[in-house]
PDB file of N, CA and C in Angstrom:
ATOM      1  N   MET A   1     -30.703 -44.775 -20.656  1.00  0.00           N
ATOM      2  CA  MET A   1     -29.736 -43.740 -20.365  1.00  0.00           C
ATOM      3  C   MET A   1     -30.419 -42.392 -20.531  1.00  0.00           C
ATOM      4  N   LYS A   2     -30.340 -41.580 -19.492  1.00  0.00           N
ATOM      5  CA  LYS A   2     -30.969 -40.272 -19.538  1.00  0.00           C
ATOM      6  C   LYS A   2     -29.983 -39.235 -20.039  1.00  0.00           C
ATOM      7  N   HIS A   3     -30.486 -38.323 -20.827  1.00  0.00           N
ATOM      8  CA  HIS A   3     -29.677 -37.190 -21.272  1.00  0.00           C
ATOM      9  C   HIS A   3     -30.160 -35.953 -20.540  1.00  0.00           C
ATOM     10  N   SER A   4     -29.214 -35.184 -20.038  1.00  0.00           N
ATOM     11  CA  SER A   4     -29.624 -33.927 -19.405  1.00  0.00           C
ATOM     12  C   SER A   4     -29.352 -32.796 -20.388  1.00  0.00           C
ATOM     13  N   TYR A   5     -30.347 -32.030 -20.599  1.00  0.00           N
ATOM     14  CA  TYR A   5     -30.234 -30.905 -21.515  1.00  0.00           C
ATOM     15  C   TYR A   5     -29.964 -29.643 -20.715  1.00  0.00           C
ATOM     16  N   PRO A   6     -29.163 -28.752 -21.242  1.00  0.00           N
ATOM     17  CA  PRO A   6     -28.850 -27.532 -20.495  1.00  0.00           C
ATOM     18  C   PRO A   6     -30.106 -26.696 -20.260  1.00  0.00           C
ATOM     19  N   ASN A   7     -30.179 -26.172 -19.078  1.00  0.00           N
ATOM     20  CA  ASN A   7     -31.306 -25.330 -18.693  1.00  0.00           C
ATOM     21  C   ASN A   7     -30.845 -23.872 -18.811  1.00  0.00           C
ATOM     22  N   PRO A   8     -31.383 -23.110 -19.770  1.00  0.00           N
ATOM     23  CA  PRO A   8     -30.907 -21.744 -19.976  1.00  0.00           C
ATOM     24  C   PRO A   8     -31.129 -20.848 -18.767  1.00  0.00           C
ATOM     25  N   SER A   9     -32.215 -21.010 -18.049  1.00  0.00           N
ATOM     26  CA  SER A   9     -32.454 -20.149 -16.893  1.00  0.00           C
ATOM     27  C   SER A   9     -31.494 -20.489 -15.751  1.00  0.00           C
ATOM     28  N   ALA A  10     -31.155 -21.767 -15.588  1.00  0.00           N
ATOM     29  CA  ALA A  10     -30.197 -22.161 -14.555  1.00  0.00           C
ATOM     30  C   ALA A  10     -28.812 -21.636 -14.902  1.00  0.00           C
ATOM     31  N   ASP A  11     -28.450 -21.694 -16.183  1.00  0.00           N
ATOM     32  CA  ASP A  11     -27.157 -21.164 -16.613  1.00  0.00           C
ATOM     33  C   ASP A  11     -27.092 -19.661 -16.385  1.00  0.00           C
ATOM     34  N   ALA A  12     -28.180 -18.962 -16.677  1.00  0.00           N
ATOM     35  CA  ALA A  12     -28.201 -17.511 -16.488  1.00  0.00           C
ATOM     36  C   ALA A  12     -28.093 -17.161 -15.009  1.00  0.00           C
ATOM     37  N   SER A  13     -28.785 -17.879 -14.153  1.00  0.00           N
ATOM     38  CA  SER A  13     -28.720 -17.573 -12.723  1.00  0.00           C
ATOM     39  C   SER A  13     -27.343 -17.919 -12.153  1.00  0.00           C
ATOM     40  N   ARG A  14     -26.733 -18.996 -12.653  1.00  0.00           N
ATOM     41  CA  ARG A  14     -25.382 -19.361 -12.220  1.00  0.00           C
ATOM     42  C   ARG A  14     -24.389 -18.288 -12.646  1.00  0.00           C
ATOM     43  N   LYS A  15     -24.526 -17.793 -13.854  1.00  0.00           N
ATOM     44  CA  LYS A  15     -23.642 -16.758 -14.364  1.00  0.00           C
ATOM     45  C   LYS A  15     -23.811 -15.456 -13.562  1.00  0.00           C
ATOM     46  N   LEU A  16     -25.060 -15.121 -13.233  1.00  0.00           N
ATOM     47  CA  LEU A  16     -25.339 -13.930 -12.445  1.00  0.00           C
ATOM     48  C   LEU A  16     -24.731 -14.045 -11.053  1.00  0.00           C
ATOM     49  N   ALA A  17     -24.828 -15.233 -10.457  1.00  0.00           N
ATOM     50  CA  ALA A  17     -24.252 -15.444  -9.126  1.00  0.00           C
ATOM     51  C   ALA A  17     -22.735 -15.326  -9.171  1.00  0.00           C
ATOM     52  N   MET A  18     -22.110 -15.855 -10.214  1.00  0.00           N
ATOM     53  CA  MET A  18     -20.661 -15.753 -10.355  1.00  0.00           C
ATOM     54  C   MET A  18     -20.250 -14.299 -10.540  1.00  0.00           C
ATOM     55  N   THR A  19     -21.016 -13.543 -11.326  1.00  0.00           N
ATOM     56  CA  THR A  19     -20.715 -12.137 -11.538  1.00  0.00           C
ATOM     57  C   THR A  19     -20.832 -11.367 -10.230  1.00  0.00           C
ATOM     58  N   PHE A  20     -21.871 -11.660  -9.455  1.00  0.00           N
ATOM     59  CA  PHE A  20     -22.059 -10.987  -8.177  1.00  0.00           C
ATOM     60  C   PHE A  20     -20.903 -11.280  -7.230  1.00  0.00           C
ATOM     61  N   ARG A  21     -20.476 -12.557  -7.155  1.00  0.00           N
ATOM     62  CA  ARG A  21     -19.356 -12.925  -6.279  1.00  0.00           C
ATOM     63  C   ARG A  21     -18.068 -12.254  -6.717  1.00  0.00           C
ATOM     64  N   ALA A  22     -17.835 -12.181  -8.025  1.00  0.00           N
ATOM     65  CA  ALA A  22     -16.626 -11.524  -8.523  1.00  0.00           C
ATOM     66  C   ALA A  22     -16.645 -10.040  -8.192  1.00  0.00           C
ATOM     67  N   ARG A  23     -17.795  -9.415  -8.344  1.00  0.00           N
ATOM     68  CA  ARG A  23     -17.917  -7.991  -8.037  1.00  0.00           C
ATOM     69  C   ARG A  23     -17.727  -7.751  -6.535  1.00  0.00           C
ATOM     70  N   ALA A  24     -18.269  -8.624  -5.708  1.00  0.00           N
ATOM     71  CA  ALA A  24     -18.115  -8.488  -4.258  1.00  0.00           C
ATOM     72  C   ALA A  24     -16.653  -8.670  -3.859  1.00  0.00           C
ATOM     73  N   ALA A  25     -15.975  -9.605  -4.501  1.00  0.00           N
ATOM     74  CA  ALA A  25     -14.560  -9.826  -4.196  1.00  0.00           C
ATOM     75  C   ALA A  25     -13.730  -8.616  -4.600  1.00  0.00           C
ATOM     76  N   ARG A  26     -14.049  -8.020  -5.749  1.00  0.00           N
ATOM     77  CA  ARG A  26     -13.337  -6.816  -6.169  1.00  0.00           C
ATOM     78  C   ARG A  26     -13.589  -5.684  -5.181  1.00  0.00           C
ATOM     79  N   GLY A  27     -14.816  -5.561  -4.706  1.00  0.00           N
ATOM     80  CA  GLY A  27     -15.142  -4.522  -3.739  1.00  0.00           C
ATOM     81  C   GLY A  27     -14.405  -4.711  -2.430  1.00  0.00           C
ATOM     82  N   GLN A  28     -14.287  -5.954  -1.987  1.00  0.00           N
ATOM     83  CA  GLN A  28     -13.581  -6.234  -0.741  1.00  0.00           C
ATOM     84  C   GLN A  28     -12.095  -5.921  -0.892  1.00  0.00           C
ATOM     85  N   SER A  29     -11.501  -6.286  -2.008  1.00  0.00           N
ATOM     86  CA  SER A  29     -10.075  -6.007  -2.189  1.00  0.00           C
ATOM     87  C   SER A  29      -9.825  -4.511  -2.291  1.00  0.00           C
ATOM     88  N   MET A  30     -10.757  -3.749  -2.848  1.00  0.00           N
ATOM     89  CA  MET A  30     -10.603  -2.302  -2.911  1.00  0.00           C
ATOM     90  C   MET A  30     -10.625  -1.703  -1.510  1.00  0.00           C
ATOM     91  N   ILE A  31     -11.517  -2.197  -0.655  1.00  0.00           N
ATOM     92  CA  ILE A  31     -11.581  -1.705   0.726  1.00  0.00           C
ATOM     93  C   ILE A  31     -10.299  -2.055   1.469  1.00  0.00           C
ATOM     94  N   GLU A  32      -9.790  -3.266   1.289  1.00  0.00           N
ATOM     95  CA  GLU A  32      -8.537  -3.663   1.939  1.00  0.00           C
ATOM     96  C   GLU A  32      -7.386  -2.778   1.473  1.00  0.00           C
ATOM     97  N   PHE A  33      -7.333  -2.472   0.185  1.00  0.00           N
ATOM     98  CA  PHE A  33      -6.285  -1.618  -0.365  1.00  0.00           C
ATOM     99  C   PHE A  33      -6.346  -0.226   0.263  1.00  0.00           C
ATOM    100  N   VAL A  34      -7.540   0.340   0.370  1.00  0.00           N
ATOM    101  CA  VAL A  34      -7.701   1.682   0.941  1.00  0.00           C
ATOM    102  C   VAL A  34      -7.301   1.692   2.416  1.00  0.00           C
ATOM    103  N   VAL A  35      -7.690   0.657   3.154  1.00  0.00           N
ATOM    104  CA  VAL A  35      -7.347   0.593   4.578  1.00  0.00           C
ATOM    105  C   VAL A  35      -5.837   0.484   4.762  1.00  0.00           C
ATOM    106  N   ILE A  36      -5.186  -0.347   3.977  1.00  0.00           N
ATOM    107  CA  ILE A  36      -3.729  -0.507   4.094  1.00  0.00           C
ATOM    108  C   ILE A  36      -3.012   0.777   3.708  1.00  0.00           C
ATOM    109  N   CYS A  37      -3.446   1.430   2.640  1.00  0.00           N
ATOM    110  CA  CYS A  37      -2.821   2.702   2.236  1.00  0.00           C
ATOM    111  C   CYS A  37      -3.012   3.773   3.300  1.00  0.00           C
ATOM    112  N   ALA A  38      -4.193   3.835   3.885  1.00  0.00           N
ATOM    113  CA  ALA A  38      -4.443   4.814   4.950  1.00  0.00           C
ATOM    114  C   ALA A  38      -3.553   4.541   6.159  1.00  0.00           C
ATOM    115  N   ALA A  39      -3.364   3.275   6.502  1.00  0.00           N
ATOM    116  CA  ALA A  39      -2.501   2.926   7.632  1.00  0.00           C
ATOM    117  C   ALA A  39      -1.046   3.304   7.344  1.00  0.00           C
ATOM    118  N   LEU A  40      -0.582   3.085   6.118  1.00  0.00           N
ATOM    119  CA  LEU A  40       0.788   3.456   5.763  1.00  0.00           C
ATOM    120  C   LEU A  40       0.986   4.963   5.798  1.00  0.00           C
ATOM    121  N   VAL A  41       0.034   5.715   5.272  1.00  0.00           N
ATOM    122  CA  VAL A  41       0.135   7.177   5.295  1.00  0.00           C
ATOM    123  C   VAL A  41       0.130   7.679   6.734  1.00  0.00           C
ATOM    124  N   ALA A  42      -0.740   7.119   7.563  1.00  0.00           N
ATOM    125  CA  ALA A  42      -0.779   7.520   8.973  1.00  0.00           C
ATOM    126  C   ALA A  42       0.542   7.200   9.662  1.00  0.00           C
ATOM    127  N   ALA A  43       1.130   6.061   9.352  1.00  0.00           N
ATOM    128  CA  ALA A  43       2.401   5.678   9.969  1.00  0.00           C
ATOM    129  C   ALA A  43       3.530   6.612   9.538  1.00  0.00           C
ATOM    130  N   LEU A  44       3.466   7.120   8.328  1.00  0.00           N
ATOM    131  CA  LEU A  44       4.514   8.029   7.861  1.00  0.00           C
ATOM    132  C   LEU A  44       4.445   9.404   8.519  1.00  0.00           C
ATOM    133  N   PHE A  45       3.260   9.824   8.924  1.00  0.00           N
ATOM    134  CA  PHE A  45       3.122  11.186   9.423  1.00  0.00           C
ATOM    135  C   PHE A  45       2.826  11.285  10.916  1.00  0.00           C
ATOM    136  N   VAL A  46       2.886  10.177  11.627  1.00  0.00           N
ATOM    137  CA  VAL A  46       2.741  10.210  13.081  1.00  0.00           C
ATOM    138  C   VAL A  46       4.061  10.705  13.660  1.00  0.00           C
ATOM    139  N   PRO A  47       4.023  11.729  14.521  1.00  0.00           N
ATOM    140  CA  PRO A  47       5.281  12.242  15.067  1.00  0.00           C
ATOM    141  C   PRO A  47       5.929  11.257  16.038  1.00  0.00           C
ATOM    142  N   VAL A  48       7.215  11.131  15.924  1.00  0.00           N
ATOM    143  CA  VAL A  48       8.004  10.306  16.844  1.00  0.00           C
ATOM    144  C   VAL A  48       9.137  11.176  17.383  1.00  0.00           C
ATOM    145  N   ILE A  49       9.717  10.792  18.493  1.00  0.00           N
ATOM    146  CA  ILE A  49      10.810  11.568  19.079  1.00  0.00           C
ATOM    147  C   ILE A  49      12.123  11.079  18.485  1.00  0.00           C
ATOM    148  N   ASP A  50      12.893  12.023  17.966  1.00  0.00           N
ATOM    149  CA  ASP A  50      14.185  11.706  17.377  1.00  0.00           C
ATOM    150  C   ASP A  50      15.275  12.086  18.374  1.00  0.00           C
ATOM    151  N   ASP A  51      15.957  11.104  18.922  1.00  0.00           N
ATOM    152  CA  ASP A  51      16.996  11.375  19.920  1.00  0.00           C
ATOM    153  C   ASP A  51      18.219  12.041  19.298  1.00  0.00           C
ATOM    154  N   VAL A  52      18.480  11.795  18.036  1.00  0.00           N
ATOM    155  CA  VAL A  52      19.655  12.344  17.369  1.00  0.00           C
ATOM    156  C   VAL A  52      19.537  13.858  17.223  1.00  0.00           C
ATOM    157  N   SER A  53      18.345  14.351  16.937  1.00  0.00           N
ATOM    158  CA  SER A  53      18.173  15.788  16.704  1.00  0.00           C
ATOM    159  C   SER A  53      17.805  16.547  17.968  1.00  0.00           C
ATOM    160  N   GLY A  54      18.091  15.999  19.116  1.00  0.00           N
ATOM    161  CA  GLY A  54      17.840  16.711  20.363  1.00  0.00           C
ATOM    162  C   GLY A  54      16.437  16.539  20.898  1.00  0.00           C
ATOM    163  N   GLY A  55      15.762  15.484  20.573  1.00  0.00           N
ATOM    164  CA  GLY A  55      14.442  15.211  21.111  1.00  0.00           C
ATOM    165  C   GLY A  55      13.314  15.919  20.407  1.00  0.00           C
ATOM    166  N   ARG A  56      13.564  16.428  19.192  1.00  0.00           N
ATOM    167  CA  ARG A  56      12.470  17.057  18.438  1.00  0.00           C
ATOM    168  C   ARG A  56      11.462  16.002  18.040  1.00  0.00           C
ATOM    169  N   ARG A  57      10.194  16.425  17.879  1.00  0.00           N
ATOM    170  CA  ARG A  57       9.146  15.504  17.421  1.00  0.00           C
ATOM    171  C   ARG A  57       9.057  15.622  15.907  1.00  0.00           C
ATOM    172  N   LEU A  58       9.539  14.609  15.230  1.00  0.00           N
ATOM    173  CA  LEU A  58       9.521  14.570  13.772  1.00  0.00           C
ATOM    174  C   LEU A  58       8.688  13.389  13.304  1.00  0.00           C
ATOM    175  N   SER A  59       8.107  13.507  12.128  1.00  0.00           N
ATOM    176  CA  SER A  59       7.383  12.367  11.565  1.00  0.00           C
ATOM    177  C   SER A  59       8.377  11.410  10.922  1.00  0.00           C
ATOM    178  N   THR A  60       7.901  10.215  10.655  1.00  0.00           N
ATOM    179  CA  THR A  60       8.749   9.217  10.011  1.00  0.00           C
ATOM    180  C   THR A  60       9.192   9.686   8.635  1.00  0.00           C
ATOM    181  N   ALA A  61       8.300  10.373   7.927  1.00  0.00           N
ATOM    182  CA  ALA A  61       8.655  10.901   6.595  1.00  0.00           C
ATOM    183  C   ALA A  61       9.761  11.938   6.713  1.00  0.00           C
ATOM    184  N   GLN A  62       9.689  12.814   7.729  1.00  0.00           N
ATOM    185  CA  GLN A  62      10.737  13.814   7.918  1.00  0.00           C
ATOM    186  C   GLN A  62      12.062  13.161   8.275  1.00  0.00           C
ATOM    187  N   LEU A  63      12.018  12.127   9.118  1.00  0.00           N
ATOM    188  CA  LEU A  63      13.249  11.404   9.459  1.00  0.00           C
ATOM    189  C   LEU A  63      13.868  10.754   8.232  1.00  0.00           C
ATOM    190  N   LEU A  64      13.027  10.182   7.378  1.00  0.00           N
ATOM    191  CA  LEU A  64      13.514   9.560   6.155  1.00  0.00           C
ATOM    192  C   LEU A  64      14.155  10.595   5.232  1.00  0.00           C
ATOM    193  N   ILE A  65      13.498  11.725   5.065  1.00  0.00           N
ATOM    194  CA  ILE A  65      14.043  12.787   4.200  1.00  0.00           C
ATOM    195  C   ILE A  65      15.356  13.312   4.767  1.00  0.00           C
ATOM    196  N   ASP A  66      15.414  13.537   6.087  1.00  0.00           N
ATOM    197  CA  ASP A  66      16.660  14.000   6.712  1.00  0.00           C
ATOM    198  C   ASP A  66      17.794  13.001   6.500  1.00  0.00           C
ATOM    199  N   SER A  67      17.505  11.718   6.643  1.00  0.00           N
ATOM    200  CA  SER A  67      18.535  10.686   6.446  1.00  0.00           C
ATOM    201  C   SER A  67      19.024  10.654   5.005  1.00  0.00           C
ATOM    202  N   LEU A  68      18.104  10.784   4.060  1.00  0.00           N
ATOM    203  CA  LEU A  68      18.510  10.807   2.652  1.00  0.00           C
ATOM    204  C   LEU A  68      19.356  12.038   2.341  1.00  0.00           C
ATOM    205  N   GLN A  69      19.006  13.192   2.906  1.00  0.00           N
ATOM    206  CA  GLN A  69      19.790  14.400   2.689  1.00  0.00           C
ATOM    207  C   GLN A  69      21.196  14.259   3.263  1.00  0.00           C
ATOM    208  N   GLN A  70      21.307  13.721   4.471  1.00  0.00           N
ATOM    209  CA  GLN A  70      22.619  13.513   5.080  1.00  0.00           C
ATOM    210  C   GLN A  70      23.464  12.541   4.264  1.00  0.00           C
ATOM    211  N   GLY A  71      22.849  11.471   3.811  1.00  0.00           N
ATOM    212  CA  GLY A  71      23.582  10.505   2.986  1.00  0.00           C
ATOM    213  C   GLY A  71      24.064  11.124   1.685  1.00  0.00           C
ATOM    214  N   TYR A  72      23.235  11.952   1.054  1.00  0.00           N
ATOM    215  CA  TYR A  72      23.631  12.611  -0.190  1.00  0.00           C
ATOM    216  C   TYR A  72      24.768  13.598   0.070  1.00  0.00           C
ATOM    217  N   GLN A  73      24.675  14.372   1.157  1.00  0.00           N
ATOM    218  CA  GLN A  73      25.737  15.327   1.479  1.00  0.00           C
ATOM    219  C   GLN A  73      27.055  14.614   1.740  1.00  0.00           C
ATOM    220  N   ARG A  74      27.012  13.525   2.467  1.00  0.00           N
ATOM    221  CA  ARG A  74      28.242  12.777   2.763  1.00  0.00           C
ATOM    222  C   ARG A  74      28.834  12.154   1.508  1.00  0.00           C
ATOM    223  N   THR A  75      27.959  11.616   0.644  1.00  0.00           N
ATOM    224  CA  THR A  75      28.445  11.005  -0.594  1.00  0.00           C
ATOM    225  C   THR A  75      29.055  12.055  -1.509  1.00  0.00           C
ATOM    226  N   SER A  76      28.368  13.188  -1.679  1.00  0.00           N
ATOM    227  CA  SER A  76      28.913  14.227  -2.563  1.00  0.00           C
ATOM    228  C   SER A  76      30.181  14.825  -1.965  1.00  0.00           C
ATOM    229  N   GLY A  77      30.260  14.917  -0.641  1.00  0.00           N
ATOM    230  CA  GLY A  77      31.478  15.402  -0.012  1.00  0.00           C
ATOM    231  C   GLY A  77      32.637  14.444  -0.219  1.00  0.00           C
ATOM    232  N   ALA A  78      32.373  13.158  -0.122  1.00  0.00           N
ATOM    233  CA  ALA A  78      33.429  12.158  -0.339  1.00  0.00           C
ATOM    234  C   ALA A  78      33.875  12.141  -1.798  1.00  0.00           C
ATOM    235  N   LEU A  79      32.950  12.346  -2.734  1.00  0.00           N
ATOM    236  CA  LEU A  79      33.311  12.354  -4.156  1.00  0.00           C
ATOM    237  C   LEU A  79      34.078  13.596  -4.547  1.00  0.00           C
ATOM    238  N   SER A  80      33.894  14.687  -3.810  1.00  0.00           N
ATOM    239  CA  SER A  80      34.578  15.922  -4.172  1.00  0.00           C
ATOM    240  C   SER A  80      35.999  15.993  -3.624  1.00  0.00           C
ATOM    241  N   LEU A  81      36.383  15.070  -2.768  1.00  0.00           N
ATOM    242  CA  LEU A  81      37.748  15.076  -2.221  1.00  0.00           C
ATOM    243  C   LEU A  81      38.753  14.714  -3.320  1.00  0.00           C
ATOM    244  N   PRO A  82      39.941  15.326  -3.258  1.00  0.00           N
ATOM    245  CA  PRO A  82      40.951  14.967  -4.270  1.00  0.00           C
ATOM    246  C   PRO A  82      41.463  13.555  -4.024  1.00  0.00           C
ATOM    247  N   GLU A  83      41.914  12.947  -5.058  1.00  0.00           N
ATOM    248  CA  GLU A  83      42.406  11.557  -4.951  1.00  0.00           C
ATOM    249  C   GLU A  83      43.749  11.474  -4.326  1.00  0.00           C
TER     250      GLU A  83
END
C-alpha cells in the first residue's frame, strides 16, 4: 500500500491558482456591475417624448419626478378636503 505525502510546492501552486481565479472573478463582477450601472444611468437620462406634456423632450428621470410631484399634490389635496 502506497502512502502519498503532501507536496508543499504543489499545495502552494494550487493555492496561488485558486487565489488568481478568485481575483479574476471579482474583477469580472466589478466590470459587469459598472457596465450595468452605466446602462441604467444612461437609460434614466436619455430624452424621450412625453405626449402628456405637449410633446416636450424629457428624460425618464424628469418624467419620474414629475409623476411623483403630481401624485403628492393630488394626495395632499385629497387629504386637505373637509370630511
